[in-house]
Amino acid sequence: MTDLDFRQGASYPVAGPQTTNLADILERVLDKGIVIAGDIKIDLLDIELLTIRLRLFVASVDTAKKAGIDWWENDPALSSQASRSALQEENRELRQRLKALESNSEETDTPER
């Protein structure tokens, strides 16, 4: 059993700074997400010439989806599913145009009586 010292002025060990490794920090950031925002303005004689607004959201895919961000799922350059559906839509539209052109061509090729 440990003896406890309740005397006035007794010193107790003070906890030092906790060490956190990069993996722990990254796990916390991806789990919760972090937003970095900033604006850059260039003015000349009180005339605004240029404004650049920067927003950066760093999070895991699950956290981003919970925040309503899922643009990569619909971007054909990043998603094979989006690419496939875009190609299917384009293919459908081209078939409709071809059918319309063929029907117009048949109407002009038949001799009138």
PDB file of N, CA and C in Angstrom:
ATOM      1  N   MET A   1       0.844  -1.164   0.000  1.00  0.00           N
ATOM      2  CA  MET A   1       0.000   0.000   0.000  1.00  0.00           C
ATOM      3  C   MET A   1       0.890   1.226   0.000  1.00  0.00           C
ATOM      4  N   THR A   2       0.459   2.265  -0.703  1.00  0.00           N
ATOM      5  CA  THR A   2       1.255   3.471  -0.832  1.00  0.00           C
ATOM      6  C   THR A   2       0.874   4.445   0.261  1.00  0.00           C
ATOM      7  N   ASP A   3       1.894   5.043   0.894  1.00  0.00           N
ATOM      8  CA  ASP A   3       1.631   6.070   1.906  1.00  0.00           C
ATOM      9  C   ASP A   3       1.395   7.398   1.213  1.00  0.00           C
ATOM     10  N   LEU A   4       0.364   8.111   1.628  1.00  0.00           N
ATOM     11  CA  LEU A   4       0.070   9.420   1.081  1.00  0.00           C
ATOM     12  C   LEU A   4       0.507  10.477   2.068  1.00  0.00           C
ATOM     13  N   ASP A   5       1.100  11.557   1.607  1.00  0.00           N
ATOM     14  CA  ASP A   5       1.587  12.639   2.448  1.00  0.00           C
ATOM     15  C   ASP A   5       0.662  13.836   2.271  1.00  0.00           C
ATOM     16  N   PHE A   6      -0.120  14.122   3.330  1.00  0.00           N
ATOM     17  CA  PHE A   6      -1.065  15.231   3.257  1.00  0.00           C
ATOM     18  C   PHE A   6      -0.545  16.463   3.973  1.00  0.00           C
ATOM     19  N   ARG A   7       0.747  16.504   4.260  1.00  0.00           N
ATOM     20  CA  ARG A   7       1.304  17.669   4.957  1.00  0.00           C
ATOM     21  C   ARG A   7       1.315  18.880   4.059  1.00  0.00           C
ATOM     22  N   GLN A   8       1.255  20.041   4.670  1.00  0.00           N
ATOM     23  CA  GLN A   8       1.332  21.299   3.937  1.00  0.00           C
ATOM     24  C   GLN A   8       2.708  21.405   3.292  1.00  0.00           C
ATOM     25  N   GLY A   9       2.746  21.806   2.051  1.00  0.00           N
ATOM     26  CA  GLY A   9       4.011  22.026   1.364  1.00  0.00           C
ATOM     27  C   GLY A   9       4.633  20.762   0.799  1.00  0.00           C
ATOM     28  N   ALA A  10       3.956  19.650   0.906  1.00  0.00           N
ATOM     29  CA  ALA A  10       4.509  18.427   0.332  1.00  0.00           C
ATOM     30  C   ALA A  10       4.494  18.540  -1.188  1.00  0.00           C
ATOM     31  N   SER A  11       5.547  18.108  -1.809  1.00  0.00           N
ATOM     32  CA  SER A  11       5.619  18.230  -3.263  1.00  0.00           C
ATOM     33  C   SER A  11       5.222  16.916  -3.915  1.00  0.00           C
ATOM     34  N   TYR A  12       4.507  17.055  -4.995  1.00  0.00           N
ATOM     35  CA  TYR A  12       4.064  15.896  -5.749  1.00  0.00           C
ATOM     36  C   TYR A  12       4.656  15.995  -7.149  1.00  0.00           C
ATOM     37  N   PRO A  13       4.879  14.902  -7.775  1.00  0.00           N
ATOM     38  CA  PRO A  13       5.436  14.978  -9.121  1.00  0.00           C
ATOM     39  C   PRO A  13       4.450  15.676 -10.069  1.00  0.00           C
ATOM     40  N   VAL A  14       4.989  16.572 -10.851  1.00  0.00           N
ATOM     41  CA  VAL A  14       4.185  17.314 -11.811  1.00  0.00           C
ATOM     42  C   VAL A  14       4.261  16.586 -13.149  1.00  0.00           C
ATOM     43  N   ALA A  15       3.113  16.411 -13.731  1.00  0.00           N
ATOM     44  CA  ALA A  15       3.086  15.727 -15.029  1.00  0.00           C
ATOM     45  C   ALA A  15       3.735  16.624 -16.072  1.00  0.00           C
ATOM     46  N   GLY A  16       4.651  16.072 -16.831  1.00  0.00           N
ATOM     47  CA  GLY A  16       5.326  16.818 -17.891  1.00  0.00           C
ATOM     48  C   GLY A  16       4.459  16.864 -19.132  1.00  0.00           C
ATOM     49  N   PRO A  17       4.937  17.521 -20.146  1.00  0.00           N
ATOM     50  CA  PRO A  17       4.152  17.595 -21.380  1.00  0.00           C
ATOM     51  C   PRO A  17       3.986  16.210 -21.992  1.00  0.00           C
ATOM     52  N   GLN A  18       2.781  15.956 -22.450  1.00  0.00           N
ATOM     53  CA  GLN A  18       2.527  14.661 -23.074  1.00  0.00           C
ATOM     54  C   GLN A  18       3.072  14.682 -24.496  1.00  0.00           C
ATOM     55  N   THR A  19       3.679  13.591 -24.852  1.00  0.00           N
ATOM     56  CA  THR A  19       4.205  13.513 -26.212  1.00  0.00           C
ATOM     57  C   THR A  19       3.144  12.863 -27.099  1.00  0.00           C
ATOM     58  N   THR A  20       2.995  13.424 -28.256  1.00  0.00           N
ATOM     59  CA  THR A  20       2.051  12.898 -29.232  1.00  0.00           C
ATOM     60  C   THR A  20       2.802  12.713 -30.536  1.00  0.00           C
ATOM     61  N   ASN A  21       2.663  11.545 -31.101  1.00  0.00           N
ATOM     62  CA  ASN A  21       3.370  11.332 -32.355  1.00  0.00           C
ATOM     63  C   ASN A  21       2.497  11.787 -33.535  1.00  0.00           C
ATOM     64  N   LEU A  22       3.087  11.870 -34.684  1.00  0.00           N
ATOM     65  CA  LEU A  22       2.425  12.368 -35.876  1.00  0.00           C
ATOM     66  C   LEU A  22       1.205  11.530 -36.247  1.00  0.00           C
ATOM     67  N   ALA A  23       1.288  10.236 -36.054  1.00  0.00           N
ATOM     68  CA  ALA A  23       0.169   9.354 -36.387  1.00  0.00           C
ATOM     69  C   ALA A  23      -1.061   9.692 -35.541  1.00  0.00           C
ATOM     70  N   ASP A  24      -0.861   9.991 -34.247  1.00  0.00           N
ATOM     71  CA  ASP A  24      -1.987  10.360 -33.381  1.00  0.00           C
ATOM     72  C   ASP A  24      -2.619  11.671 -33.832  1.00  0.00           C
ATOM     73  N   ILE A  25      -1.788  12.630 -34.173  1.00  0.00           N
ATOM     74  CA  ILE A  25      -2.299  13.931 -34.627  1.00  0.00           C
ATOM     75  C   ILE A  25      -3.076  13.757 -35.923  1.00  0.00           C
ATOM     76  N   LEU A  26      -2.518  13.005 -36.860  1.00  0.00           N
ATOM     77  CA  LEU A  26      -3.184  12.776 -38.133  1.00  0.00           C
ATOM     78  C   LEU A  26      -4.507  12.048 -37.940  1.00  0.00           C
ATOM     79  N   GLU A  27      -4.534  11.084 -37.060  1.00  0.00           N
ATOM     80  CA  GLU A  27      -5.776  10.352 -36.783  1.00  0.00           C
ATOM     81  C   GLU A  27      -6.848  11.291 -36.234  1.00  0.00           C
ATOM     82  N   ARG A  28      -6.469  12.177 -35.323  1.00  0.00           N
ATOM     83  CA  ARG A  28      -7.427  13.142 -34.768  1.00  0.00           C
ATOM     84  C   ARG A  28      -7.936  14.099 -35.837  1.00  0.00           C
ATOM     85  N   VAL A  29      -7.030  14.607 -36.671  1.00  0.00           N
ATOM     86  CA  VAL A  29      -7.426  15.554 -37.715  1.00  0.00           C
ATOM     87  C   VAL A  29      -8.368  14.890 -38.701  1.00  0.00           C
ATOM     88  N   LEU A  30      -8.035  13.681 -39.144  1.00  0.00           N
ATOM     89  CA  LEU A  30      -8.884  13.000 -40.110  1.00  0.00           C
ATOM     90  C   LEU A  30     -10.209  12.591 -39.502  1.00  0.00           C
ATOM     91  N   ASP A  31     -10.230  12.266 -38.224  1.00  0.00           N
ATOM     92  CA  ASP A  31     -11.463  11.865 -37.556  1.00  0.00           C
ATOM     93  C   ASP A  31     -12.408  13.048 -37.377  1.00  0.00           C
ATOM     94  N   LYS A  32     -11.881  14.172 -36.973  1.00  0.00           N
ATOM     95  CA  LYS A  32     -12.704  15.356 -36.695  1.00  0.00           C
ATOM     96  C   LYS A  32     -12.772  16.298 -37.886  1.00  0.00           C
ATOM     97  N   GLY A  33     -11.701  16.374 -38.651  1.00  0.00           N
ATOM     98  CA  GLY A  33     -11.632  17.315 -39.761  1.00  0.00           C
ATOM     99  C   GLY A  33     -11.064  18.645 -39.290  1.00  0.00           C
ATOM    100  N   ILE A  34     -10.462  19.360 -40.201  1.00  0.00           N
ATOM    101  CA  ILE A  34      -9.911  20.670 -39.882  1.00  0.00           C
ATOM    102  C   ILE A  34     -10.149  21.581 -41.087  1.00  0.00           C
ATOM    103  N   VAL A  35     -10.519  22.808 -40.797  1.00  0.00           N
ATOM    104  CA  VAL A  35     -10.786  23.786 -41.849  1.00  0.00           C
ATOM    105  C   VAL A  35      -9.761  24.899 -41.724  1.00  0.00           C
ATOM    106  N   ILE A  36      -9.121  25.206 -42.835  1.00  0.00           N
ATOM    107  CA  ILE A  36      -8.185  26.326 -42.888  1.00  0.00           C
ATOM    108  C   ILE A  36      -8.743  27.296 -43.911  1.00  0.00           C
ATOM    109  N   ALA A  37      -8.959  28.520 -43.493  1.00  0.00           N
ATOM    110  CA  ALA A  37      -9.565  29.514 -44.381  1.00  0.00           C
ATOM    111  C   ALA A  37      -8.714  30.770 -44.400  1.00  0.00           C
ATOM    112  N   GLY A  38      -8.704  31.422 -45.538  1.00  0.00           N
ATOM    113  CA  GLY A  38      -7.948  32.665 -45.642  1.00  0.00           C
ATOM    114  C   GLY A  38      -8.354  33.451 -46.865  1.00  0.00           C
ATOM    115  N   ASP A  39      -8.181  34.749 -46.788  1.00  0.00           N
ATOM    116  CA  ASP A  39      -8.471  35.637 -47.910  1.00  0.00           C
ATOM    117  C   ASP A  39      -7.229  36.439 -48.241  1.00  0.00           C
ATOM    118  N   ILE A  40      -7.002  36.640 -49.509  1.00  0.00           N
ATOM    119  CA  ILE A  40      -5.902  37.490 -49.966  1.00  0.00           C
ATOM    120  C   ILE A  40      -6.533  38.610 -50.783  1.00  0.00           C
ATOM    121  N   LYS A  41      -6.275  39.833 -50.388  1.00  0.00           N
ATOM    122  CA  LYS A  41      -6.815  40.980 -51.116  1.00  0.00           C
ATOM    123  C   LYS A  41      -5.671  41.865 -51.585  1.00  0.00           C
ATOM    124  N   ILE A  42      -5.775  42.308 -52.806  1.00  0.00           N
ATOM    125  CA  ILE A  42      -4.791  43.247 -53.340  1.00  0.00           C
ATOM    126  C   ILE A  42      -5.537  44.524 -53.703  1.00  0.00           C
ATOM    127  N   ASP A  43      -5.210  45.593 -53.006  1.00  0.00           N
ATOM    128  CA  ASP A  43      -5.833  46.898 -53.233  1.00  0.00           C
ATOM    129  C   ASP A  43      -4.779  47.881 -53.717  1.00  0.00           C
ATOM    130  N   LEU A  44      -5.190  48.794 -54.554  1.00  0.00           N
ATOM    131  CA  LEU A  44      -4.324  49.868 -55.009  1.00  0.00           C
ATOM    132  C   LEU A  44      -5.115  51.162 -54.924  1.00  0.00           C
ATOM    133  N   LEU A  45      -4.678  52.064 -54.055  1.00  0.00           N
ATOM    134  CA  LEU A  45      -5.357  53.340 -53.842  1.00  0.00           C
ATOM    135  C   LEU A  45      -6.832  53.141 -53.504  1.00  0.00           C
ATOM    136  N   ASP A  46      -7.090  52.257 -52.554  1.00  0.00           N
ATOM    137  CA  ASP A  46      -8.439  51.923 -52.090  1.00  0.00           C
ATOM    138  C   ASP A  46      -9.333  51.343 -53.182  1.00  0.00           C
ATOM    139  N   ILE A  47      -8.738  50.800 -54.230  1.00  0.00           N
ATOM    140  CA  ILE A  47      -9.498  50.109 -55.277  1.00  0.00           C
ATOM    141  C   ILE A  47      -9.107  48.638 -55.203  1.00  0.00           C
ATOM    142  N   GLU A  48     -10.114  47.813 -55.002  1.00  0.00           N
ATOM    143  CA  GLU A  48      -9.847  46.386 -54.896  1.00  0.00           C
ATOM    144  C   GLU A  48      -9.547  45.818 -56.276  1.00  0.00           C
ATOM    145  N   LEU A  49      -8.336  45.322 -56.434  1.00  0.00           N
ATOM    146  CA  LEU A  49      -7.921  44.766 -57.719  1.00  0.00           C
ATOM    147  C   LEU A  49      -8.152  43.262 -57.806  1.00  0.00           C
ATOM    148  N   LEU A  50      -7.901  42.575 -56.702  1.00  0.00           N
ATOM    149  CA  LEU A  50      -7.965  41.118 -56.730  1.00  0.00           C
ATOM    150  C   LEU A  50      -8.313  40.595 -55.347  1.00  0.00           C
ATOM    151  N   THR A  51      -9.213  39.637 -55.310  1.00  0.00           N
ATOM    152  CA  THR A  51      -9.531  38.948 -54.058  1.00  0.00           C
ATOM    153  C   THR A  51      -9.471  37.457 -54.321  1.00  0.00           C
ATOM    154  N   ILE A  52      -8.718  36.752 -53.504  1.00  0.00           N
ATOM    155  CA  ILE A  52      -8.617  35.303 -53.602  1.00  0.00           C
ATOM    156  C   ILE A  52      -9.067  34.729 -52.267  1.00  0.00           C
ATOM    157  N   ARG A  53     -10.063  33.853 -52.321  1.00  0.00           N
ATOM    158  CA  ARG A  53     -10.557  33.217 -51.102  1.00  0.00           C
ATOM    159  C   ARG A  53     -10.101  31.759 -51.111  1.00  0.00           C
ATOM    160  N   LEU A  54      -9.427  31.373 -50.078  1.00  0.00           N
ATOM    161  CA  LEU A  54      -8.910  30.011 -49.968  1.00  0.00           C
ATOM    162  C   LEU A  54      -9.621  29.287 -48.840  1.00  0.00           C
ATOM    163  N   ARG A  55     -10.083  28.081 -49.121  1.00  0.00           N
ATOM    164  CA  ARG A  55     -10.699  27.233 -48.113  1.00  0.00           C
ATOM    165  C   ARG A  55     -10.113  25.843 -48.262  1.00  0.00           C
ATOM    166  N   LEU A  56      -9.659  25.275 -47.176  1.00  0.00           N
ATOM    167  CA  LEU A  56      -9.067  23.946 -47.201  1.00  0.00           C
ATOM    168  C   LEU A  56      -9.720  23.117 -46.100  1.00  0.00           C
ATOM    169  N   PHE A  57     -10.260  21.981 -46.485  1.00  0.00           N
ATOM    170  CA  PHE A  57     -10.908  21.085 -45.528  1.00  0.00           C
ATOM    171  C   PHE A  57     -10.159  19.770 -45.568  1.00  0.00           C
ATOM    172  N   VAL A  58      -9.509  19.418 -44.487  1.00  0.00           N
ATOM    173  CA  VAL A  58      -8.734  18.183 -44.410  1.00  0.00           C
ATOM    174  C   VAL A  58      -9.486  17.236 -43.490  1.00  0.00           C
ATOM    175  N   ALA A  59      -9.879  16.088 -44.034  1.00  0.00           N
ATOM    176  CA  ALA A  59     -10.635  15.112 -43.243  1.00  0.00           C
ATOM    177  C   ALA A  59     -10.581  13.767 -43.956  1.00  0.00           C
ATOM    178  N   SER A  60     -11.038  12.753 -43.254  1.00  0.00           N
ATOM    179  CA  SER A  60     -11.155  11.439 -43.881  1.00  0.00           C
ATOM    180  C   SER A  60     -12.366  11.448 -44.803  1.00  0.00           C
ATOM    181  N   VAL A  61     -12.479  10.453 -45.642  1.00  0.00           N
ATOM    182  CA  VAL A  61     -13.608  10.362 -46.565  1.00  0.00           C
ATOM    183  C   VAL A  61     -14.915  10.266 -45.779  1.00  0.00           C
ATOM    184  N   ASP A  62     -14.936   9.459 -44.719  1.00  0.00           N
ATOM    185  CA  ASP A  62     -16.156   9.315 -43.920  1.00  0.00           C
ATOM    186  C   ASP A  62     -16.561  10.636 -43.278  1.00  0.00           C
ATOM    187  N   THR A  63     -15.600  11.362 -42.730  1.00  0.00           N
ATOM    188  CA  THR A  63     -15.886  12.648 -42.106  1.00  0.00           C
ATOM    189  C   THR A  63     -16.368  13.642 -43.151  1.00  0.00           C
ATOM    190  N   ALA A  64     -15.760  13.641 -44.322  1.00  0.00           N
ATOM    191  CA  ALA A  64     -16.187  14.545 -45.392  1.00  0.00           C
ATOM    192  C   ALA A  64     -17.614  14.227 -45.826  1.00  0.00           C
ATOM    193  N   LYS A  65     -17.950  12.944 -45.952  1.00  0.00           N
ATOM    194  CA  LYS A  65     -19.309  12.574 -46.330  1.00  0.00           C
ATOM    195  C   LYS A  65     -20.314  13.023 -45.271  1.00  0.00           C
ATOM    196  N   LYS A  66     -19.944  12.913 -43.997  1.00  0.00           N
ATOM    197  CA  LYS A  66     -20.834  13.387 -42.925  1.00  0.00           C
ATOM    198  C   LYS A  66     -21.045  14.892 -43.029  1.00  0.00           C
ATOM    199  N   ALA A  67     -20.047  15.599 -43.536  1.00  0.00           N
ATOM    200  CA  ALA A  67     -20.148  17.052 -43.703  1.00  0.00           C
ATOM    201  C   ALA A  67     -20.844  17.418 -45.010  1.00  0.00           C
ATOM    202  N   GLY A  68     -21.239  16.413 -45.796  1.00  0.00           N
ATOM    203  CA  GLY A  68     -21.958  16.664 -47.039  1.00  0.00           C
ATOM    204  C   GLY A  68     -21.057  16.939 -48.224  1.00  0.00           C
ATOM    205  N   ILE A  69     -19.803  16.544 -48.133  1.00  0.00           N
ATOM    206  CA  ILE A  69     -18.857  16.769 -49.225  1.00  0.00           C
ATOM    207  C   ILE A  69     -18.564  15.420 -49.883  1.00  0.00           C
ATOM    208  N   ASP A  70     -18.935  15.313 -51.161  1.00  0.00           N
ATOM    209  CA  ASP A  70     -18.700  14.063 -51.882  1.00  0.00           C
ATOM    210  C   ASP A  70     -18.460  14.306 -53.367  1.00  0.00           C
ATOM    211  N   TRP A  71     -17.826  15.417 -53.699  1.00  0.00           N
ATOM    212  CA  TRP A  71     -17.629  15.801 -55.093  1.00  0.00           C
ATOM    213  C   TRP A  71     -16.809  14.789 -55.879  1.00  0.00           C
ATOM    214  N   TRP A  72     -15.957  14.037 -55.243  1.00  0.00           N
ATOM    215  CA  TRP A  72     -15.105  13.085 -55.954  1.00  0.00           C
ATOM    216  C   TRP A  72     -15.918  11.921 -56.501  1.00  0.00           C
ATOM    217  N   GLU A  73     -17.107  11.672 -55.945  1.00  0.00           N
ATOM    218  CA  GLU A  73     -17.926  10.565 -56.427  1.00  0.00           C
ATOM    219  C   GLU A  73     -18.569  10.890 -57.776  1.00  0.00           C
ATOM    220  N   ASN A  74     -18.744  12.170 -58.082  1.00  0.00           N
ATOM    221  CA  ASN A  74     -19.398  12.580 -59.318  1.00  0.00           C
ATOM    222  C   ASN A  74     -18.437  13.167 -60.339  1.00  0.00           C
ATOM    223  N   ASP A  75     -17.174  13.222 -60.034  1.00  0.00           N
ATOM    224  CA  ASP A  75     -16.179  13.765 -60.946  1.00  0.00           C
ATOM    225  C   ASP A  75     -15.660  12.640 -61.830  1.00  0.00           C
ATOM    226  N   PRO A  76     -15.902  12.727 -63.153  1.00  0.00           N
ATOM    227  CA  PRO A  76     -15.480  11.634 -64.037  1.00  0.00           C
ATOM    228  C   PRO A  76     -13.978  11.378 -64.028  1.00  0.00           C
ATOM    229  N   ALA A  77     -13.196  12.385 -63.712  1.00  0.00           N
ATOM    230  CA  ALA A  77     -11.744  12.198 -63.683  1.00  0.00           C
ATOM    231  C   ALA A  77     -11.301  11.401 -62.464  1.00  0.00           C
ATOM    232  N   LEU A  78     -12.138  11.348 -61.429  1.00  0.00           N
ATOM    233  CA  LEU A  78     -11.743  10.693 -60.190  1.00  0.00           C
ATOM    234  C   LEU A  78     -12.530   9.429 -59.872  1.00  0.00           C
ATOM    235  N   SER A  79     -13.684   9.263 -60.478  1.00  0.00           N
ATOM    236  CA  SER A  79     -14.542   8.135 -60.141  1.00  0.00           C
ATOM    237  C   SER A  79     -14.886   7.343 -61.396  1.00  0.00           C
ATOM    238  N   SER A  80     -14.607   6.058 -61.368  1.00  0.00           N
ATOM    239  CA  SER A  80     -14.944   5.226 -62.516  1.00  0.00           C
ATOM    240  C   SER A  80     -16.453   5.117 -62.666  1.00  0.00           C
ATOM    241  N   GLN A  81     -17.188   5.136 -61.561  1.00  0.00           N
ATOM    242  CA  GLN A  81     -18.642   5.070 -61.607  1.00  0.00           C
ATOM    243  C   GLN A  81     -19.206   6.315 -62.279  1.00  0.00           C
ATOM    244  N   ALA A  82     -18.704   7.487 -61.897  1.00  0.00           N
ATOM    245  CA  ALA A  82     -19.170   8.739 -62.509  1.00  0.00           C
ATOM    246  C   ALA A  82     -18.798   8.765 -63.979  1.00  0.00           C
ATOM    247  N   SER A  83     -17.624   8.267 -64.304  1.00  0.00           N
ATOM    248  CA  SER A  83     -17.177   8.231 -65.690  1.00  0.00           C
ATOM    249  C   SER A  83     -18.078   7.321 -66.504  1.00  0.00           C
ATOM    250  N   ARG A  84     -18.410   6.189 -65.941  1.00  0.00           N
ATOM    251  CA  ARG A  84     -19.257   5.223 -66.631  1.00  0.00           C
ATOM    252  C   ARG A  84     -20.652   5.804 -66.867  1.00  0.00           C
ATOM    253  N   SER A  85     -21.234   6.440 -65.861  1.00  0.00           N
ATOM    254  CA  SER A  85     -22.576   7.001 -66.026  1.00  0.00           C
ATOM    255  C   SER A  85     -22.557   8.172 -67.003  1.00  0.00           C
ATOM    256  N   ALA A  86     -21.483   8.956 -67.003  1.00  0.00           N
ATOM    257  CA  ALA A  86     -21.373  10.061 -67.956  1.00  0.00           C
ATOM    258  C   ALA A  86     -21.274   9.521 -69.375  1.00  0.00           C
ATOM    259  N   LEU A  87     -20.518   8.455 -69.566  1.00  0.00           N
ATOM    260  CA  LEU A  87     -20.401   7.844 -70.886  1.00  0.00           C
ATOM    261  C   LEU A  87     -21.720   7.227 -71.340  1.00  0.00           C
ATOM    262  N   GLN A  88     -22.438   6.604 -70.414  1.00  0.00           N
ATOM    263  CA  GLN A  88     -23.735   6.028 -70.757  1.00  0.00           C
ATOM    264  C   GLN A  88     -24.718   7.110 -71.179  1.00  0.00           C
ATOM    265  N   GLU A  89     -24.705   8.234 -70.490  1.00  0.00           N
ATOM    266  CA  GLU A  89     -25.582   9.354 -70.831  1.00  0.00           C
ATOM    267  C   GLU A  89     -25.222   9.919 -72.202  1.00  0.00           C
ATOM    268  N   GLU A  90     -23.930  10.100 -72.444  1.00  0.00           N
ATOM    269  CA  GLU A  90     -23.486  10.610 -73.734  1.00  0.00           C
ATOM    270  C   GLU A  90     -23.853   9.638 -74.856  1.00  0.00           C
ATOM    271  N   ASN A  91     -23.688   8.347 -74.600  1.00  0.00           N
ATOM    272  CA  ASN A  91     -24.034   7.322 -75.575  1.00  0.00           C
ATOM    273  C   ASN A  91     -25.530   7.358 -75.888  1.00  0.00           C
ATOM    274  N   ARG A  92     -26.358   7.492 -74.883  1.00  0.00           N
ATOM    275  CA  ARG A  92     -27.799   7.569 -75.074  1.00  0.00           C
ATOM    276  C   ARG A  92     -28.178   8.782 -75.925  1.00  0.00           C
ATOM    277  N   GLU A  93     -27.577   9.941 -75.620  1.00  0.00           N
ATOM    278  CA  GLU A  93     -27.864  11.156 -76.384  1.00  0.00           C
ATOM    279  C   GLU A  93     -27.424  11.017 -77.845  1.00  0.00           C
ATOM    280  N   LEU A  94     -26.257  10.412 -78.072  1.00  0.00           N
ATOM    281  CA  LEU A  94     -25.774  10.216 -79.440  1.00  0.00           C
ATOM    282  C   LEU A  94     -26.675   9.275 -80.227  1.00  0.00           C
ATOM    283  N   ARG A  95     -27.169   8.226 -79.581  1.00  0.00           N
ATOM    284  CA  ARG A  95     -28.087   7.299 -80.251  1.00  0.00           C
ATOM    285  C   ARG A  95     -29.385   7.999 -80.646  1.00  0.00           C
ATOM    286  N   GLN A  96     -29.882   8.868 -79.769  1.00  0.00           N
ATOM    287  CA  GLN A  96     -31.095   9.615 -80.085  1.00  0.00           C
ATOM    288  C   GLN A  96     -30.871  10.550 -81.270  1.00  0.00           C
ATOM    289  N   ARG A  97     -29.730  11.231 -81.284  1.00  0.00           N
ATOM    290  CA  ARG A  97     -29.419  12.141 -82.394  1.00  0.00           C
ATOM    291  C   ARG A  97     -29.272  11.364 -83.707  1.00  0.00           C
ATOM    292  N   LEU A  98     -28.599  10.214 -83.642  1.00  0.00           N
ATOM    293  CA  LEU A  98     -28.421   9.385 -84.834  1.00  0.00           C
ATOM    294  C   LEU A  98     -29.764   8.905 -85.364  1.00  0.00           C
ATOM    295  N   LYS A  99     -30.638   8.482 -84.479  1.00  0.00           N
ATOM    296  CA  LYS A  99     -31.965   8.019 -84.874  1.00  0.00           C
ATOM    297  C   LYS A  99     -32.747   9.147 -85.544  1.00  0.00           C
ATOM    298  N   ALA A 100     -32.659  10.350 -84.973  1.00  0.00           N
ATOM    299  CA  ALA A 100     -33.346  11.506 -85.558  1.00  0.00           C
ATOM    300  C   ALA A 100     -32.775  11.835 -86.937  1.00  0.00           C
ATOM    301  N   LEU A 101     -31.462  11.784 -87.086  1.00  0.00           N
ATOM    302  CA  LEU A 101     -30.837  12.053 -88.383  1.00  0.00           C
ATOM    303  C   LEU A 101     -31.227  11.004 -89.416  1.00  0.00           C
ATOM    304  N   GLU A 102     -31.256   9.741 -89.015  1.00  0.00           N
ATOM    305  CA  GLU A 102     -31.640   8.665 -89.930  1.00  0.00           C
ATOM    306  C   GLU A 102     -33.090   8.813 -90.369  1.00  0.00           C
ATOM    307  N   SER A 103     -33.967   9.172 -89.457  1.00  0.00           N
ATOM    308  CA  SER A 103     -35.378   9.327 -89.823  1.00  0.00           C
ATOM    309  C   SER A 103     -35.560  10.527 -90.752  1.00  0.00           C
ATOM    310  N   ASN A 104     -34.793  11.601 -90.537  1.00  0.00           N
ATOM    311  CA  ASN A 104     -34.855  12.748 -91.444  1.00  0.00           C
ATOM    312  C   ASN A 104     -34.311  12.372 -92.816  1.00  0.00           C
ATOM    313  N   SER A 105     -33.271  11.568 -92.844  1.00  0.00           N
ATOM    314  CA  SER A 105     -32.657  11.136 -94.094  1.00  0.00           C
ATOM    315  C   SER A 105     -33.617  10.256 -94.877  1.00  0.00           C
ATOM    316  N   GLU A 106     -34.331   9.363 -94.224  1.00  0.00           N
ATOM    317  CA  GLU A 106     -35.284   8.478 -94.883  1.00  0.00           C
ATOM    318  C   GLU A 106     -36.441   9.273 -95.468  1.00  0.00           C
ATOM    319  N   GLU A 107     -36.872  10.328 -94.775  1.00  0.00           N
ATOM    320  CA  GLU A 107     -37.979  11.141 -95.264  1.00  0.00           C
ATOM    321  C   GLU A 107     -37.591  11.889 -96.529  1.00  0.00           C
ATOM    322  N   THR A 108     -36.355  12.338 -96.627  1.00  0.00           N
ATOM    323  CA  THR A 108     -35.912  13.087 -97.813  1.00  0.00           C
ATOM    324  C   THR A 108     -35.557  12.162 -98.973  1.00  0.00           C
ATOM    325  N   ASP A 109     -35.245  10.893 -98.694  1.00  0.00           N
ATOM    326  CA  ASP A 109     -34.857   9.944 -99.755  1.00  0.00           C
ATOM    327  C   ASP A 109     -36.057   9.327-100.454  1.00  0.00           C
ATOM    328  N   THR A 110     -37.208   9.264 -99.828  1.00  0.00           N
ATOM    329  CA  THR A 110     -38.373   8.640-100.469  1.00  0.00           C
ATOM    330  C   THR A 110     -38.980   9.581-101.486  1.00  0.00           C
ATOM    331  N   PRO A 111     -39.243   9.076-102.700  1.00  0.00           N
ATOM    332  CA  PRO A 111     -39.809   9.950-103.746  1.00  0.00           C
ATOM    333  C   PRO A 111     -41.276  10.279-103.431  1.00  0.00           C
ATOM    334  N   GLU A 112     -41.645  11.476-103.768  1.00  0.00           N
ATOM    335  CA  GLU A 112     -43.014  11.902-103.524  1.00  0.00           C
ATOM    336  C   GLU A 112     -43.900  11.441-104.670  1.00  0.00           C
ATOM    337  N   ARG A 113     -45.132  11.095-104.395  1.00  0.00           N
ATOM    338  CA  ARG A 113     -46.047  10.599-105.407  1.00  0.00           C
ATOM    339  C   ARG A 113     -47.010  11.645-105.819  1.00  0.00           C
TER     340      ARG A 113
END
